[in-house]
Amino acid sequence: MIYIYSNFCAMNNSVYILYSKKLDKHYVGFTQNLIQRLEFHSNETQSRKFTYKADDWELIYSIECQTKNQGLSIEKHIKSMKSKTYIQNLLQYPEQSFKLPYKDKRADIIMATEQQKDVV
């Protein structure tokens, strides 16, 4: 089960961050179909994936990207930081999203920042 924000919209070319309180871990990923990808993470039969280790994953952050290359670049940058503090700062200071390494400077950024959650 993955919890998402109620004002969430389906996004293409998205970088997303999941958080498990049980593991106290973050998962950073990229997808071209966020809804489908979240369903994959929720599927209990996919035992080889990292997110199988817990059942309390929550979508805490997502960015819509203009292109696949841009999304992969942002995902790589966030993963290369290897820092919970960096991710916490992205959440606390949403304006930092505009400083992420975009290949396409005209990118529209949409973040899931609502407090209320629904279950997928």
PDB file of N, CA and C in Angstrom:
ATOM      1  N   MET A   1       0.839  -1.167   0.000  1.00  0.00           N
ATOM      2  CA  MET A   1       0.000   0.000   0.000  1.00  0.00           C
ATOM      3  C   MET A   1       0.893   1.241   0.000  1.00  0.00           C
ATOM      4  N   ILE A   2       0.600   2.160  -0.883  1.00  0.00           N
ATOM      5  CA  ILE A   2       1.350   3.412  -0.934  1.00  0.00           C
ATOM      6  C   ILE A   2       0.374   4.556  -0.717  1.00  0.00           C
ATOM      7  N   TYR A   3       0.703   5.439   0.189  1.00  0.00           N
ATOM      8  CA  TYR A   3      -0.130   6.594   0.472  1.00  0.00           C
ATOM      9  C   TYR A   3       0.294   7.738  -0.434  1.00  0.00           C
ATOM     10  N   ILE A   4      -0.715   8.408  -1.019  1.00  0.00           N
ATOM     11  CA  ILE A   4      -0.413   9.561  -1.873  1.00  0.00           C
ATOM     12  C   ILE A   4      -1.273  10.736  -1.453  1.00  0.00           C
ATOM     13  N   TYR A   5      -0.933  11.894  -1.935  1.00  0.00           N
ATOM     14  CA  TYR A   5      -1.642  13.110  -1.594  1.00  0.00           C
ATOM     15  C   TYR A   5      -2.941  13.215  -2.375  1.00  0.00           C
ATOM     16  N   SER A   6      -3.978  13.783  -1.760  1.00  0.00           N
ATOM     17  CA  SER A   6      -5.310  13.815  -2.358  1.00  0.00           C
ATOM     18  C   SER A   6      -5.380  14.666  -3.622  1.00  0.00           C
ATOM     19  N   ASN A   7      -4.609  15.712  -3.733  1.00  0.00           N
ATOM     20  CA  ASN A   7      -4.640  16.561  -4.926  1.00  0.00           C
ATOM     21  C   ASN A   7      -3.631  16.110  -5.968  1.00  0.00           C
ATOM     22  N   PHE A   8      -3.231  14.886  -5.879  1.00  0.00           N
ATOM     23  CA  PHE A   8      -2.253  14.291  -6.778  1.00  0.00           C
ATOM     24  C   PHE A   8      -2.849  14.135  -8.173  1.00  0.00           C
ATOM     25  N   CYS A   9      -2.072  14.410  -9.191  1.00  0.00           N
ATOM     26  CA  CYS A   9      -2.538  14.184 -10.561  1.00  0.00           C
ATOM     27  C   CYS A   9      -1.563  13.222 -11.248  1.00  0.00           C
ATOM     28  N   ALA A  10      -2.085  12.471 -12.201  1.00  0.00           N
ATOM     29  CA  ALA A  10      -1.233  11.527 -12.934  1.00  0.00           C
ATOM     30  C   ALA A  10      -0.180  12.312 -13.706  1.00  0.00           C
ATOM     31  N   MET A  11       1.066  11.914 -13.586  1.00  0.00           N
ATOM     32  CA  MET A  11       2.155  12.637 -14.230  1.00  0.00           C
ATOM     33  C   MET A  11       2.947  11.708 -15.134  1.00  0.00           C
ATOM     34  N   ASN A  12       3.390  12.233 -16.244  1.00  0.00           N
ATOM     35  CA  ASN A  12       4.313  11.526 -17.132  1.00  0.00           C
ATOM     36  C   ASN A  12       5.713  12.059 -16.860  1.00  0.00           C
ATOM     37  N   ASN A  13       6.733  11.236 -17.146  1.00  0.00           N
ATOM     38  CA  ASN A  13       8.123  11.642 -16.931  1.00  0.00           C
ATOM     39  C   ASN A  13       8.294  12.262 -15.543  1.00  0.00           C
ATOM     40  N   SER A  14       8.159  11.432 -14.543  1.00  0.00           N
ATOM     41  CA  SER A  14       8.187  11.909 -13.166  1.00  0.00           C
ATOM     42  C   SER A  14       9.341  11.316 -12.373  1.00  0.00           C
ATOM     43  N   VAL A  15       9.951  12.156 -11.558  1.00  0.00           N
ATOM     44  CA  VAL A  15      10.885  11.713 -10.535  1.00  0.00           C
ATOM     45  C   VAL A  15      10.077  11.734  -9.243  1.00  0.00           C
ATOM     46  N   TYR A  16      10.202  10.666  -8.457  1.00  0.00           N
ATOM     47  CA  TYR A  16       9.399  10.582  -7.242  1.00  0.00           C
ATOM     48  C   TYR A  16      10.247  10.042  -6.100  1.00  0.00           C
ATOM     49  N   ILE A  17       9.807  10.365  -4.890  1.00  0.00           N
ATOM     50  CA  ILE A  17      10.480   9.873  -3.693  1.00  0.00           C
ATOM     51  C   ILE A  17       9.428   9.236  -2.793  1.00  0.00           C
ATOM     52  N   LEU A  18       9.692   7.991  -2.400  1.00  0.00           N
ATOM     53  CA  LEU A  18       8.858   7.276  -1.444  1.00  0.00           C
ATOM     54  C   LEU A  18       9.602   7.228  -0.115  1.00  0.00           C
ATOM     55  N   TYR A  19       8.852   7.164   0.978  1.00  0.00           N
ATOM     56  CA  TYR A  19       9.472   7.052   2.306  1.00  0.00           C
ATOM     57  C   TYR A  19       8.783   5.957   3.104  1.00  0.00           C
ATOM     58  N   SER A  20       9.568   5.132   3.780  1.00  0.00           N
ATOM     59  CA  SER A  20       9.063   4.105   4.688  1.00  0.00           C
ATOM     60  C   SER A  20       9.486   4.461   6.098  1.00  0.00           C
ATOM     61  N   LYS A  21       8.511   4.706   6.948  1.00  0.00           N
ATOM     62  CA  LYS A  21       8.818   4.980   8.353  1.00  0.00           C
ATOM     63  C   LYS A  21       9.365   3.721   9.025  1.00  0.00           C
ATOM     64  N   LYS A  22       8.810   2.567   8.643  1.00  0.00           N
ATOM     65  CA  LYS A  22       9.240   1.285   9.210  1.00  0.00           C
ATOM     66  C   LYS A  22      10.735   1.049   9.001  1.00  0.00           C
ATOM     67  N   LEU A  23      11.232   1.335   7.794  1.00  0.00           N
ATOM     68  CA  LEU A  23      12.652   1.144   7.473  1.00  0.00           C
ATOM     69  C   LEU A  23      13.477   2.413   7.692  1.00  0.00           C
ATOM     70  N   ASP A  24      12.797   3.537   7.829  1.00  0.00           N
ATOM     71  CA  ASP A  24      13.440   4.860   7.856  1.00  0.00           C
ATOM     72  C   ASP A  24      14.345   5.026   6.632  1.00  0.00           C
ATOM     73  N   LYS A  25      13.771   4.694   5.475  1.00  0.00           N
ATOM     74  CA  LYS A  25      14.498   4.752   4.205  1.00  0.00           C
ATOM     75  C   LYS A  25      13.682   5.510   3.163  1.00  0.00           C
ATOM     76  N   HIS A  26      14.402   6.094   2.212  1.00  0.00           N
ATOM     77  CA  HIS A  26      13.798   6.743   1.050  1.00  0.00           C
ATOM     78  C   HIS A  26      14.082   5.907  -0.187  1.00  0.00           C
ATOM     79  N   TYR A  27      13.171   5.965  -1.135  1.00  0.00           N
ATOM     80  CA  TYR A  27      13.373   5.332  -2.436  1.00  0.00           C
ATOM     81  C   TYR A  27      13.168   6.417  -3.486  1.00  0.00           C
ATOM     82  N   VAL A  28      14.163   6.630  -4.332  1.00  0.00           N
ATOM     83  CA  VAL A  28      14.091   7.628  -5.394  1.00  0.00           C
ATOM     84  C   VAL A  28      13.979   6.894  -6.717  1.00  0.00           C
ATOM     85  N   GLY A  29      13.030   7.306  -7.551  1.00  0.00           N
ATOM     86  CA  GLY A  29      12.853   6.637  -8.832  1.00  0.00           C
ATOM     87  C   GLY A  29      12.389   7.583  -9.923  1.00  0.00           C
ATOM     88  N   PHE A  30      12.424   7.077 -11.143  1.00  0.00           N
ATOM     89  CA  PHE A  30      11.925   7.796 -12.314  1.00  0.00           C
ATOM     90  C   PHE A  30      10.954   6.879 -13.035  1.00  0.00           C
ATOM     91  N   THR A  31       9.906   7.447 -13.600  1.00  0.00           N
ATOM     92  CA  THR A  31       8.954   6.676 -14.383  1.00  0.00           C
ATOM     93  C   THR A  31       8.285   7.563 -15.421  1.00  0.00           C
ATOM     94  N   GLN A  32       7.768   6.915 -16.447  1.00  0.00           N
ATOM     95  CA  GLN A  32       6.981   7.633 -17.447  1.00  0.00           C
ATOM     96  C   GLN A  32       5.485   7.476 -17.186  1.00  0.00           C
ATOM     97  N   ASN A  33       5.125   6.705 -16.158  1.00  0.00           N
ATOM     98  CA  ASN A  33       3.730   6.542 -15.769  1.00  0.00           C
ATOM     99  C   ASN A  33       3.699   6.340 -14.256  1.00  0.00           C
ATOM    100  N   LEU A  34       3.501   7.424 -13.523  1.00  0.00           N
ATOM    101  CA  LEU A  34       3.628   7.384 -12.069  1.00  0.00           C
ATOM    102  C   LEU A  34       2.575   6.495 -11.410  1.00  0.00           C
ATOM    103  N   ILE A  35       1.331   6.566 -11.856  1.00  0.00           N
ATOM    104  CA  ILE A  35       0.283   5.735 -11.264  1.00  0.00           C
ATOM    105  C   ILE A  35       0.632   4.254 -11.422  1.00  0.00           C
ATOM    106  N   GLN A  36       1.018   3.859 -12.623  1.00  0.00           N
ATOM    107  CA  GLN A  36       1.377   2.464 -12.878  1.00  0.00           C
ATOM    108  C   GLN A  36       2.581   2.043 -12.033  1.00  0.00           C
ATOM    109  N   ARG A  37       3.538   2.919 -11.898  1.00  0.00           N
ATOM    110  CA  ARG A  37       4.739   2.603 -11.121  1.00  0.00           C
ATOM    111  C   ARG A  37       4.412   2.445  -9.631  1.00  0.00           C
ATOM    112  N   LEU A  38       3.539   3.298  -9.106  1.00  0.00           N
ATOM    113  CA  LEU A  38       3.143   3.175  -7.703  1.00  0.00           C
ATOM    114  C   LEU A  38       2.395   1.865  -7.470  1.00  0.00           C
ATOM    115  N   GLU A  39       1.584   1.461  -8.439  1.00  0.00           N
ATOM    116  CA  GLU A  39       0.896   0.170  -8.338  1.00  0.00           C
ATOM    117  C   GLU A  39       1.912  -0.970  -8.340  1.00  0.00           C
ATOM    118  N   PHE A  40       2.966  -0.862  -9.135  1.00  0.00           N
ATOM    119  CA  PHE A  40       4.029  -1.870  -9.163  1.00  0.00           C
ATOM    120  C   PHE A  40       4.682  -1.986  -7.782  1.00  0.00           C
ATOM    121  N   HIS A  41       4.990  -0.837  -7.173  1.00  0.00           N
ATOM    122  CA  HIS A  41       5.619  -0.851  -5.850  1.00  0.00           C
ATOM    123  C   HIS A  41       4.686  -1.464  -4.804  1.00  0.00           C
ATOM    124  N   SER A  42       3.383  -1.340  -4.992  1.00  0.00           N
ATOM    125  CA  SER A  42       2.404  -1.875  -4.043  1.00  0.00           C
ATOM    126  C   SER A  42       2.139  -3.360  -4.235  1.00  0.00           C
ATOM    127  N   ASN A  43       2.545  -3.917  -5.371  1.00  0.00           N
ATOM    128  CA  ASN A  43       2.262  -5.309  -5.711  1.00  0.00           C
ATOM    129  C   ASN A  43       3.108  -6.244  -4.855  1.00  0.00           C
ATOM    130  N   GLU A  44       2.455  -7.018  -4.018  1.00  0.00           N
ATOM    131  CA  GLU A  44       3.166  -7.900  -3.087  1.00  0.00           C
ATOM    132  C   GLU A  44       3.865  -9.070  -3.766  1.00  0.00           C
ATOM    133  N   THR A  45       3.549  -9.347  -5.022  1.00  0.00           N
ATOM    134  CA  THR A  45       4.187 -10.480  -5.708  1.00  0.00           C
ATOM    135  C   THR A  45       5.552 -10.112  -6.287  1.00  0.00           C
ATOM    136  N   GLN A  46       5.891  -8.856  -6.290  1.00  0.00           N
ATOM    137  CA  GLN A  46       7.175  -8.403  -6.828  1.00  0.00           C
ATOM    138  C   GLN A  46       8.226  -8.383  -5.718  1.00  0.00           C
ATOM    139  N   SER A  47       8.651  -9.568  -5.272  1.00  0.00           N
ATOM    140  CA  SER A  47       9.494  -9.672  -4.083  1.00  0.00           C
ATOM    141  C   SER A  47      10.948  -9.251  -4.288  1.00  0.00           C
ATOM    142  N   ARG A  48      11.379  -9.039  -5.499  1.00  0.00           N
ATOM    143  CA  ARG A  48      12.787  -8.701  -5.724  1.00  0.00           C
ATOM    144  C   ARG A  48      13.055  -7.195  -5.693  1.00  0.00           C
ATOM    145  N   LYS A  49      12.050  -6.423  -5.575  1.00  0.00           N
ATOM    146  CA  LYS A  49      12.254  -4.980  -5.562  1.00  0.00           C
ATOM    147  C   LYS A  49      12.545  -4.464  -4.147  1.00  0.00           C
ATOM    148  N   PHE A  50      13.249  -3.371  -4.054  1.00  0.00           N
ATOM    149  CA  PHE A  50      13.642  -2.792  -2.771  1.00  0.00           C
ATOM    150  C   PHE A  50      12.423  -2.450  -1.920  1.00  0.00           C
ATOM    151  N   THR A  51      11.357  -1.950  -2.546  1.00  0.00           N
ATOM    152  CA  THR A  51      10.185  -1.517  -1.786  1.00  0.00           C
ATOM    153  C   THR A  51       9.390  -2.674  -1.194  1.00  0.00           C
ATOM    154  N   TYR A  52       9.732  -3.901  -1.533  1.00  0.00           N
ATOM    155  CA  TYR A  52       9.056  -5.067  -0.963  1.00  0.00           C
ATOM    156  C   TYR A  52       9.385  -5.232   0.523  1.00  0.00           C
ATOM    157  N   LYS A  53      10.457  -4.642   0.956  1.00  0.00           N
ATOM    158  CA  LYS A  53      10.927  -4.812   2.330  1.00  0.00           C
ATOM    159  C   LYS A  53      10.023  -4.155   3.378  1.00  0.00           C
ATOM    160  N   ALA A  54       9.086  -3.316   2.947  1.00  0.00           N
ATOM    161  CA  ALA A  54       8.170  -2.653   3.878  1.00  0.00           C
ATOM    162  C   ALA A  54       6.818  -2.466   3.200  1.00  0.00           C
ATOM    163  N   ASP A  55       5.796  -2.264   4.010  1.00  0.00           N
ATOM    164  CA  ASP A  55       4.455  -2.082   3.463  1.00  0.00           C
ATOM    165  C   ASP A  55       3.863  -0.716   3.803  1.00  0.00           C
ATOM    166  N   ASP A  56       4.705   0.198   4.221  1.00  0.00           N
ATOM    167  CA  ASP A  56       4.209   1.514   4.630  1.00  0.00           C
ATOM    168  C   ASP A  56       4.776   2.661   3.787  1.00  0.00           C
ATOM    169  N   TRP A  57       5.100   2.394   2.531  1.00  0.00           N
ATOM    170  CA  TRP A  57       5.687   3.420   1.667  1.00  0.00           C
ATOM    171  C   TRP A  57       4.691   4.546   1.432  1.00  0.00           C
ATOM    172  N   GLU A  58       5.209   5.761   1.429  1.00  0.00           N
ATOM    173  CA  GLU A  58       4.404   6.957   1.252  1.00  0.00           C
ATOM    174  C   GLU A  58       5.055   7.811   0.163  1.00  0.00           C
ATOM    175  N   LEU A  59       4.261   8.279  -0.786  1.00  0.00           N
ATOM    176  CA  LEU A  59       4.772   9.204  -1.792  1.00  0.00           C
ATOM    177  C   LEU A  59       4.903  10.564  -1.126  1.00  0.00           C
ATOM    178  N   ILE A  60       6.145  11.031  -0.969  1.00  0.00           N
ATOM    179  CA  ILE A  60       6.357  12.292  -0.255  1.00  0.00           C
ATOM    180  C   ILE A  60       6.769  13.428  -1.185  1.00  0.00           C
ATOM    181  N   TYR A  61       7.142  13.091  -2.430  1.00  0.00           N
ATOM    182  CA  TYR A  61       7.649  14.131  -3.325  1.00  0.00           C
ATOM    183  C   TYR A  61       7.585  13.628  -4.755  1.00  0.00           C
ATOM    184  N   SER A  62       7.190  14.490  -5.657  1.00  0.00           N
ATOM    185  CA  SER A  62       7.247  14.142  -7.081  1.00  0.00           C
ATOM    186  C   SER A  62       7.431  15.401  -7.910  1.00  0.00           C
ATOM    187  N   ILE A  63       8.120  15.235  -9.011  1.00  0.00           N
ATOM    188  CA  ILE A  63       8.390  16.343  -9.935  1.00  0.00           C
ATOM    189  C   ILE A  63       8.050  15.854 -11.333  1.00  0.00           C
ATOM    190  N   GLU A  64       7.248  16.626 -12.048  1.00  0.00           N
ATOM    191  CA  GLU A  64       6.969  16.297 -13.438  1.00  0.00           C
ATOM    192  C   GLU A  64       8.043  16.938 -14.302  1.00  0.00           C
ATOM    193  N   CYS A  65       8.594  16.165 -15.219  1.00  0.00           N
ATOM    194  CA  CYS A  65       9.678  16.630 -16.084  1.00  0.00           C
ATOM    195  C   CYS A  65       9.200  16.682 -17.527  1.00  0.00           C
ATOM    196  N   GLN A  66       9.798  17.548 -18.312  1.00  0.00           N
ATOM    197  CA  GLN A  66       9.427  17.708 -19.720  1.00  0.00           C
ATOM    198  C   GLN A  66       9.866  16.508 -20.556  1.00  0.00           C
ATOM    199  N   THR A  67      11.033  15.943 -20.235  1.00  0.00           N
ATOM    200  CA  THR A  67      11.584  14.857 -21.049  1.00  0.00           C
ATOM    201  C   THR A  67      12.102  13.733 -20.167  1.00  0.00           C
ATOM    202  N   LYS A  68      12.293  12.574 -20.770  1.00  0.00           N
ATOM    203  CA  LYS A  68      12.873  11.434 -20.064  1.00  0.00           C
ATOM    204  C   LYS A  68      14.298  11.751 -19.625  1.00  0.00           C
ATOM    205  N   ASN A  69      15.087  12.363 -20.508  1.00  0.00           N
ATOM    206  CA  ASN A  69      16.476  12.702 -20.171  1.00  0.00           C
ATOM    207  C   ASN A  69      16.545  13.629 -18.970  1.00  0.00           C
ATOM    208  N   GLN A  70      15.656  14.598 -18.923  1.00  0.00           N
ATOM    209  CA  GLN A  70      15.626  15.520 -17.797  1.00  0.00           C
ATOM    210  C   GLN A  70      15.302  14.762 -16.507  1.00  0.00           C
ATOM    211  N   GLY A  71      14.306  13.881 -16.558  1.00  0.00           N
ATOM    212  CA  GLY A  71      13.919  13.102 -15.384  1.00  0.00           C
ATOM    213  C   GLY A  71      15.036  12.210 -14.894  1.00  0.00           C
ATOM    214  N   LEU A  72      15.696  11.531 -15.814  1.00  0.00           N
ATOM    215  CA  LEU A  72      16.807  10.656 -15.436  1.00  0.00           C
ATOM    216  C   LEU A  72      17.957  11.453 -14.830  1.00  0.00           C
ATOM    217  N   SER A  73      18.180  12.643 -15.340  1.00  0.00           N
ATOM    218  CA  SER A  73      19.235  13.508 -14.810  1.00  0.00           C
ATOM    219  C   SER A  73      18.914  13.932 -13.371  1.00  0.00           C
ATOM    220  N   ILE A  74      17.673  14.300 -13.117  1.00  0.00           N
ATOM    221  CA  ILE A  74      17.266  14.715 -11.769  1.00  0.00           C
ATOM    222  C   ILE A  74      17.325  13.528 -10.813  1.00  0.00           C
ATOM    223  N   GLU A  75      16.833  12.372 -11.248  1.00  0.00           N
ATOM    224  CA  GLU A  75      16.888  11.169 -10.413  1.00  0.00           C
ATOM    225  C   GLU A  75      18.343  10.859 -10.045  1.00  0.00           C
ATOM    226  N   LYS A  76      19.218  10.894 -11.014  1.00  0.00           N
ATOM    227  CA  LYS A  76      20.642  10.605 -10.782  1.00  0.00           C
ATOM    228  C   LYS A  76      21.241  11.595  -9.786  1.00  0.00           C
ATOM    229  N   HIS A  77      20.886  12.869  -9.938  1.00  0.00           N
ATOM    230  CA  HIS A  77      21.409  13.893  -9.036  1.00  0.00           C
ATOM    231  C   HIS A  77      20.963  13.630  -7.593  1.00  0.00           C
ATOM    232  N   ILE A  78      19.665  13.370  -7.392  1.00  0.00           N
ATOM    233  CA  ILE A  78      19.159  13.131  -6.037  1.00  0.00           C
ATOM    234  C   ILE A  78      19.822  11.899  -5.438  1.00  0.00           C
ATOM    235  N   LYS A  79      19.932  10.824  -6.225  1.00  0.00           N
ATOM    236  CA  LYS A  79      20.572   9.600  -5.722  1.00  0.00           C
ATOM    237  C   LYS A  79      22.048   9.830  -5.400  1.00  0.00           C
ATOM    238  N   SER A  80      22.715  10.651  -6.204  1.00  0.00           N
ATOM    239  CA  SER A  80      24.151  10.892  -5.980  1.00  0.00           C
ATOM    240  C   SER A  80      24.411  11.664  -4.692  1.00  0.00           C
ATOM    241  N   MET A  81      23.419  12.382  -4.203  1.00  0.00           N
ATOM    242  CA  MET A  81      23.590  13.134  -2.959  1.00  0.00           C
ATOM    243  C   MET A  81      23.665  12.193  -1.753  1.00  0.00           C
ATOM    244  N   LYS A  82      23.052  11.006  -1.860  1.00  0.00           N
ATOM    245  CA  LYS A  82      23.083   9.985  -0.797  1.00  0.00           C
ATOM    246  C   LYS A  82      22.855  10.600   0.575  1.00  0.00           C
ATOM    247  N   SER A  83      21.803  11.388   0.684  1.00  0.00           N
ATOM    248  CA  SER A  83      21.613  12.149   1.904  1.00  0.00           C
ATOM    249  C   SER A  83      20.139  12.302   2.257  1.00  0.00           C
ATOM    250  N   LYS A  84      19.777  11.849   3.455  1.00  0.00           N
ATOM    251  CA  LYS A  84      18.423  12.091   3.962  1.00  0.00           C
ATOM    252  C   LYS A  84      18.206  13.582   4.158  1.00  0.00           C
ATOM    253  N   THR A  85      19.249  14.272   4.578  1.00  0.00           N
ATOM    254  CA  THR A  85      19.148  15.713   4.796  1.00  0.00           C
ATOM    255  C   THR A  85      18.815  16.435   3.496  1.00  0.00           C
ATOM    256  N   TYR A  86      19.428  16.026   2.397  1.00  0.00           N
ATOM    257  CA  TYR A  86      19.144  16.643   1.096  1.00  0.00           C
ATOM    258  C   TYR A  86      17.668  16.455   0.738  1.00  0.00           C
ATOM    259  N   ILE A  87      17.152  15.246   0.932  1.00  0.00           N
ATOM    260  CA  ILE A  87      15.746  14.976   0.622  1.00  0.00           C
ATOM    261  C   ILE A  87      14.843  15.776   1.558  1.00  0.00           C
ATOM    262  N   GLN A  88      15.175  15.837   2.824  1.00  0.00           N
ATOM    263  CA  GLN A  88      14.379  16.623   3.773  1.00  0.00           C
ATOM    264  C   GLN A  88      14.371  18.095   3.389  1.00  0.00           C
ATOM    265  N   ASN A  89      15.501  18.594   2.888  1.00  0.00           N
ATOM    266  CA  ASN A  89      15.558  19.987   2.442  1.00  0.00           C
ATOM    267  C   ASN A  89      14.698  20.221   1.203  1.00  0.00           C
ATOM    268  N   LEU A  90      14.636  19.238   0.292  1.00  0.00           N
ATOM    269  CA  LEU A  90      13.747  19.363  -0.866  1.00  0.00           C
ATOM    270  C   LEU A  90      12.296  19.488  -0.412  1.00  0.00           C
ATOM    271  N   LEU A  91      11.938  18.747   0.631  1.00  0.00           N
ATOM    272  CA  LEU A  91      10.579  18.797   1.149  1.00  0.00           C
ATOM    273  C   LEU A  91      10.303  20.100   1.902  1.00  0.00           C
ATOM    274  N   GLN A  92      11.262  20.514   2.685  1.00  0.00           N
ATOM    275  CA  GLN A  92      11.084  21.710   3.515  1.00  0.00           C
ATOM    276  C   GLN A  92      11.175  23.004   2.704  1.00  0.00           C
ATOM    277  N   TYR A  93      11.998  23.001   1.669  1.00  0.00           N
ATOM    278  CA  TYR A  93      12.215  24.195   0.850  1.00  0.00           C
ATOM    279  C   TYR A  93      11.924  23.870  -0.614  1.00  0.00           C
ATOM    280  N   PRO A  94      10.642  23.841  -1.009  1.00  0.00           N
ATOM    281  CA  PRO A  94      10.262  23.448  -2.375  1.00  0.00           C
ATOM    282  C   PRO A  94      10.946  24.257  -3.471  1.00  0.00           C
ATOM    283  N   GLU A  95      11.357  25.474  -3.153  1.00  0.00           N
ATOM    284  CA  GLU A  95      12.040  26.293  -4.159  1.00  0.00           C
ATOM    285  C   GLU A  95      13.368  25.672  -4.596  1.00  0.00           C
ATOM    286  N   GLN A  96      13.915  24.764  -3.804  1.00  0.00           N
ATOM    287  CA  GLN A  96      15.153  24.077  -4.192  1.00  0.00           C
ATOM    288  C   GLN A  96      14.958  23.222  -5.434  1.00  0.00           C
ATOM    289  N   SER A  97      13.718  22.823  -5.706  1.00  0.00           N
ATOM    290  CA  SER A  97      13.441  22.023  -6.902  1.00  0.00           C
ATOM    291  C   SER A  97      13.890  22.748  -8.155  1.00  0.00           C
ATOM    292  N   PHE A  98      13.822  24.063  -8.121  1.00  0.00           N
ATOM    293  CA  PHE A  98      14.219  24.842  -9.295  1.00  0.00           C
ATOM    294  C   PHE A  98      15.730  24.850  -9.496  1.00  0.00           C
ATOM    295  N   LYS A  99      16.476  24.396  -8.507  1.00  0.00           N
ATOM    296  CA  LYS A  99      17.930  24.346  -8.615  1.00  0.00           C
ATOM    297  C   LYS A  99      18.428  22.978  -9.062  1.00  0.00           C
ATOM    298  N   LEU A 100      17.506  22.009  -9.218  1.00  0.00           N
ATOM    299  CA  LEU A 100      17.915  20.676  -9.654  1.00  0.00           C
ATOM    300  C   LEU A 100      18.509  20.750 -11.058  1.00  0.00           C
ATOM    301  N   PRO A 101      19.365  19.828 -11.416  1.00  0.00           N
ATOM    302  CA  PRO A 101      20.099  19.893 -12.691  1.00  0.00           C
ATOM    303  C   PRO A 101      19.233  19.559 -13.907  1.00  0.00           C
ATOM    304  N   TYR A 102      18.536  20.547 -14.415  1.00  0.00           N
ATOM    305  CA  TYR A 102      17.672  20.338 -15.564  1.00  0.00           C
ATOM    306  C   TYR A 102      18.452  20.422 -16.863  1.00  0.00           C
ATOM    307  N   LYS A 103      18.207  19.482 -17.735  1.00  0.00           N
ATOM    308  CA  LYS A 103      18.760  19.564 -19.080  1.00  0.00           C
ATOM    309  C   LYS A 103      17.884  20.488 -19.927  1.00  0.00           C
ATOM    310  N   ASP A 104      16.585  20.525 -19.615  1.00  0.00           N
ATOM    311  CA  ASP A 104      15.639  21.373 -20.328  1.00  0.00           C
ATOM    312  C   ASP A 104      15.211  22.482 -19.371  1.00  0.00           C
ATOM    313  N   LYS A 105      15.736  23.661 -19.528  1.00  0.00           N
ATOM    314  CA  LYS A 105      15.505  24.765 -18.600  1.00  0.00           C
ATOM    315  C   LYS A 105      14.060  25.257 -18.621  1.00  0.00           C
ATOM    316  N   ARG A 106      13.258  24.864 -19.618  1.00  0.00           N
ATOM    317  CA  ARG A 106      11.875  25.314 -19.698  1.00  0.00           C
ATOM    318  C   ARG A 106      10.916  24.388 -18.978  1.00  0.00           C
ATOM    319  N   ALA A 107      11.428  23.536 -18.127  1.00  0.00           N
ATOM    320  CA  ALA A 107      10.601  22.504 -17.488  1.00  0.00           C
ATOM    321  C   ALA A 107       9.530  23.104 -16.591  1.00  0.00           C
ATOM    322  N   ASP A 108       8.364  22.520 -16.663  1.00  0.00           N
ATOM    323  CA  ASP A 108       7.300  22.836 -15.708  1.00  0.00           C
ATOM    324  C   ASP A 108       7.461  21.878 -14.539  1.00  0.00           C
ATOM    325  N   ILE A 109       7.404  22.401 -13.342  1.00  0.00           N
ATOM    326  CA  ILE A 109       7.576  21.573 -12.156  1.00  0.00           C
ATOM    327  C   ILE A 109       6.252  21.534 -11.406  1.00  0.00           C
ATOM    328  N   ILE A 110       5.836  20.333 -11.107  1.00  0.00           N
ATOM    329  CA  ILE A 110       4.625  20.151 -10.317  1.00  0.00           C
ATOM    330  C   ILE A 110       4.992  19.266  -9.142  1.00  0.00           C
ATOM    331  N   MET A 111       4.727  19.724  -7.926  1.00  0.00           N
ATOM    332  CA  MET A 111       5.079  18.949  -6.746  1.00  0.00           C
ATOM    333  C   MET A 111       3.825  18.530  -5.997  1.00  0.00           C
ATOM    334  N   ALA A 112       3.858  17.337  -5.464  1.00  0.00           N
ATOM    335  CA  ALA A 112       2.780  16.857  -4.608  1.00  0.00           C
ATOM    336  C   ALA A 112       3.080  17.340  -3.200  1.00  0.00           C
ATOM    337  N   THR A 113       2.402  18.424  -2.764  1.00  0.00           N
ATOM    338  CA  THR A 113       2.734  19.004  -1.468  1.00  0.00           C
ATOM    339  C   THR A 113       1.548  19.068  -0.513  1.00  0.00           C
ATOM    340  N   GLU A 114       0.420  18.498  -0.882  1.00  0.00           N
ATOM    341  CA  GLU A 114      -0.749  18.533  -0.013  1.00  0.00           C
ATOM    342  C   GLU A 114      -0.525  17.672   1.225  1.00  0.00           C
ATOM    343  N   GLN A 115      -1.097  18.062   2.325  1.00  0.00           N
ATOM    344  CA  GLN A 115      -0.944  17.333   3.583  1.00  0.00           C
ATOM    345  C   GLN A 115      -1.862  16.118   3.659  1.00  0.00           C
ATOM    346  N   GLN A 116      -3.066  16.204   3.082  1.00  0.00           N
ATOM    347  CA  GLN A 116      -4.036  15.109   3.189  1.00  0.00           C
ATOM    348  C   GLN A 116      -3.647  13.965   2.265  1.00  0.00           C
ATOM    349  N   LYS A 117      -3.824  12.723   2.703  1.00  0.00           N
ATOM    350  CA  LYS A 117      -3.393  11.560   1.922  1.00  0.00           C
ATOM    351  C   LYS A 117      -4.562  10.656   1.598  1.00  0.00           C
ATOM    352  N   ASP A 118      -4.460   9.961   0.476  1.00  0.00           N
ATOM    353  CA  ASP A 118      -5.388   8.905   0.087  1.00  0.00           C
ATOM    354  C   ASP A 118      -4.578   7.637  -0.137  1.00  0.00           C
ATOM    355  N   VAL A 119      -5.235   6.540  -0.216  1.00  0.00           N
ATOM    356  CA  VAL A 119      -4.559   5.253  -0.449  1.00  0.00           C
ATOM    357  C   VAL A 119      -4.780   4.823  -1.874  1.00  0.00           C
ATOM    358  N   VAL A 120      -3.688   4.352  -2.538  1.00  0.00           N
ATOM    359  CA  VAL A 120      -3.791   3.807  -3.886  1.00  0.00           C
ATOM    360  C   VAL A 120      -4.099   2.335  -3.765  1.00  0.00           C
TER     361      VAL A 120
END
